[in-house]
Amino acid sequence: MIGTQELIIIFAAILLLFGASKMPEFARSMGRSMGEFKKAKEESEHELLKLTGDAKKQLKE
């Protein structure tokens, strides 16, 4: 897990590399990326549960 100190270092490096004007755009794109990742994770978990449920049904038969 990333701690507070690591996040501060990462944001400082980004600020130095891209400048303050690019920070809002970067934060927006990171938020979108995290949302997409979370959505994909939930979909894959749902599919896994569906597959394991189907497998349990077949074992009962």
C-alpha atoms as a PDB file:
ATOM      1  CA  MET A   1       0.000   0.000   0.000  1.00  0.00           C
ATOM      2  CA  ILE A   2       1.246   3.460  -0.829  1.00  0.00           C
ATOM      3  CA  GLY A   3       1.677   5.701   2.202  1.00  0.00           C
ATOM      4  CA  THR A   4       1.428   9.440   2.618  1.00  0.00           C
ATOM      5  CA  GLN A   5       5.147  10.056   2.207  1.00  0.00           C
ATOM      6  CA  GLU A   6       5.256   8.132  -1.047  1.00  0.00           C
ATOM      7  CA  LEU A   7       2.268  10.059  -2.423  1.00  0.00           C
ATOM      8  CA  ILE A   8       3.911  13.377  -1.535  1.00  0.00           C
ATOM      9  CA  ILE A   9       7.116  12.329  -3.313  1.00  0.00           C
ATOM     10  CA  ILE A  10       5.170  11.161  -6.389  1.00  0.00           C
ATOM     11  CA  PHE A  11       3.181  14.410  -6.608  1.00  0.00           C
ATOM     12  CA  ALA A  12       6.323  16.489  -6.117  1.00  0.00           C
ATOM     13  CA  ALA A  13       8.054  14.613  -8.950  1.00  0.00           C
ATOM     14  CA  ILE A  14       5.031  15.097 -11.223  1.00  0.00           C
ATOM     15  CA  LEU A  15       4.915  18.782 -10.339  1.00  0.00           C
ATOM     16  CA  LEU A  16       8.590  19.168 -11.246  1.00  0.00           C
ATOM     17  CA  LEU A  17       8.240  17.225 -14.488  1.00  0.00           C
ATOM     18  CA  PHE A  18       4.994  18.655 -15.841  1.00  0.00           C
ATOM     19  CA  GLY A  19       4.446  21.927 -14.014  1.00  0.00           C
ATOM     20  CA  ALA A  20       1.499  23.204 -12.017  1.00  0.00           C
ATOM     21  CA  SER A  21      -0.651  23.854 -15.085  1.00  0.00           C
ATOM     22  CA  LYS A  22      -0.799  20.141 -15.949  1.00  0.00           C
ATOM     23  CA  MET A  23      -1.683  18.928 -12.427  1.00  0.00           C
ATOM     24  CA  PRO A  24      -5.507  19.251 -12.715  1.00  0.00           C
ATOM     25  CA  GLU A  25      -5.471  17.415 -16.033  1.00  0.00           C
ATOM     26  CA  PHE A  26      -3.246  14.700 -14.573  1.00  0.00           C
ATOM     27  CA  ALA A  27      -5.466  14.316 -11.486  1.00  0.00           C
ATOM     28  CA  ARG A  28      -8.553  14.041 -13.700  1.00  0.00           C
ATOM     29  CA  SER A  29      -6.988  11.352 -15.854  1.00  0.00           C
ATOM     30  CA  MET A  30      -5.834   9.442 -12.758  1.00  0.00           C
ATOM     31  CA  GLY A  31      -9.383   9.569 -11.367  1.00  0.00           C
ATOM     32  CA  ARG A  32     -10.793   8.247 -14.625  1.00  0.00           C
ATOM     33  CA  SER A  33      -8.177   5.494 -14.725  1.00  0.00           C
ATOM     34  CA  MET A  34      -8.964   4.433 -11.164  1.00  0.00           C
ATOM     35  CA  GLY A  35     -12.684   4.391 -12.007  1.00  0.00           C
ATOM     36  CA  GLU A  36     -12.078   2.227 -15.068  1.00  0.00           C
ATOM     37  CA  PHE A  37      -9.871  -0.123 -13.054  1.00  0.00           C
ATOM     38  CA  LYS A  38     -12.497  -0.446 -10.318  1.00  0.00           C
ATOM     39  CA  LYS A  39     -15.230  -1.110 -12.893  1.00  0.00           C
ATOM     40  CA  ALA A  40     -13.153  -3.798 -14.618  1.00  0.00           C
ATOM     41  CA  LYS A  41     -12.322  -5.398 -11.266  1.00  0.00           C
ATOM     42  CA  GLU A  42     -15.993  -5.535 -10.257  1.00  0.00           C
ATOM     43  CA  GLU A  43     -16.972  -6.999 -13.632  1.00  0.00           C
ATOM     44  CA  SER A  44     -14.305  -9.695 -13.399  1.00  0.00           C
ATOM     45  CA  GLU A  45     -15.372 -10.550  -9.835  1.00  0.00           C
ATOM     46  CA  HIS A  46     -18.980 -10.814 -11.005  1.00  0.00           C
ATOM     47  CA  GLU A  47     -17.964 -13.128 -13.860  1.00  0.00           C
ATOM     48  CA  LEU A  48     -15.887 -15.257 -11.502  1.00  0.00           C
ATOM     49  CA  LEU A  49     -18.797 -15.612  -9.085  1.00  0.00           C
ATOM     50  CA  LYS A  50     -21.073 -16.490 -11.991  1.00  0.00           C
ATOM     51  CA  LEU A  51     -18.643 -19.141 -13.242  1.00  0.00           C
ATOM     52  CA  THR A  52     -18.105 -20.663  -9.813  1.00  0.00           C
ATOM     53  CA  GLY A  53     -21.873 -20.710  -9.245  1.00  0.00           C
ATOM     54  CA  ASP A  54     -22.365 -22.549 -12.554  1.00  0.00           C
ATOM     55  CA  ALA A  55     -19.626 -25.015 -11.631  1.00  0.00           C
ATOM     56  CA  LYS A  56     -21.280 -25.736  -8.258  1.00  0.00           C
ATOM     57  CA  LYS A  57     -24.603 -26.384 -10.030  1.00  0.00           C
ATOM     58  CA  GLN A  58     -22.913 -28.863 -12.378  1.00  0.00           C
ATOM     59  CA  LEU A  59     -21.279 -30.683  -9.460  1.00  0.00           C
ATOM     60  CA  LYS A  60     -24.661 -31.108  -7.765  1.00  0.00           C
ATOM     61  CA  GLU A  61     -26.135 -32.723 -10.887  1.00  0.00           C
END
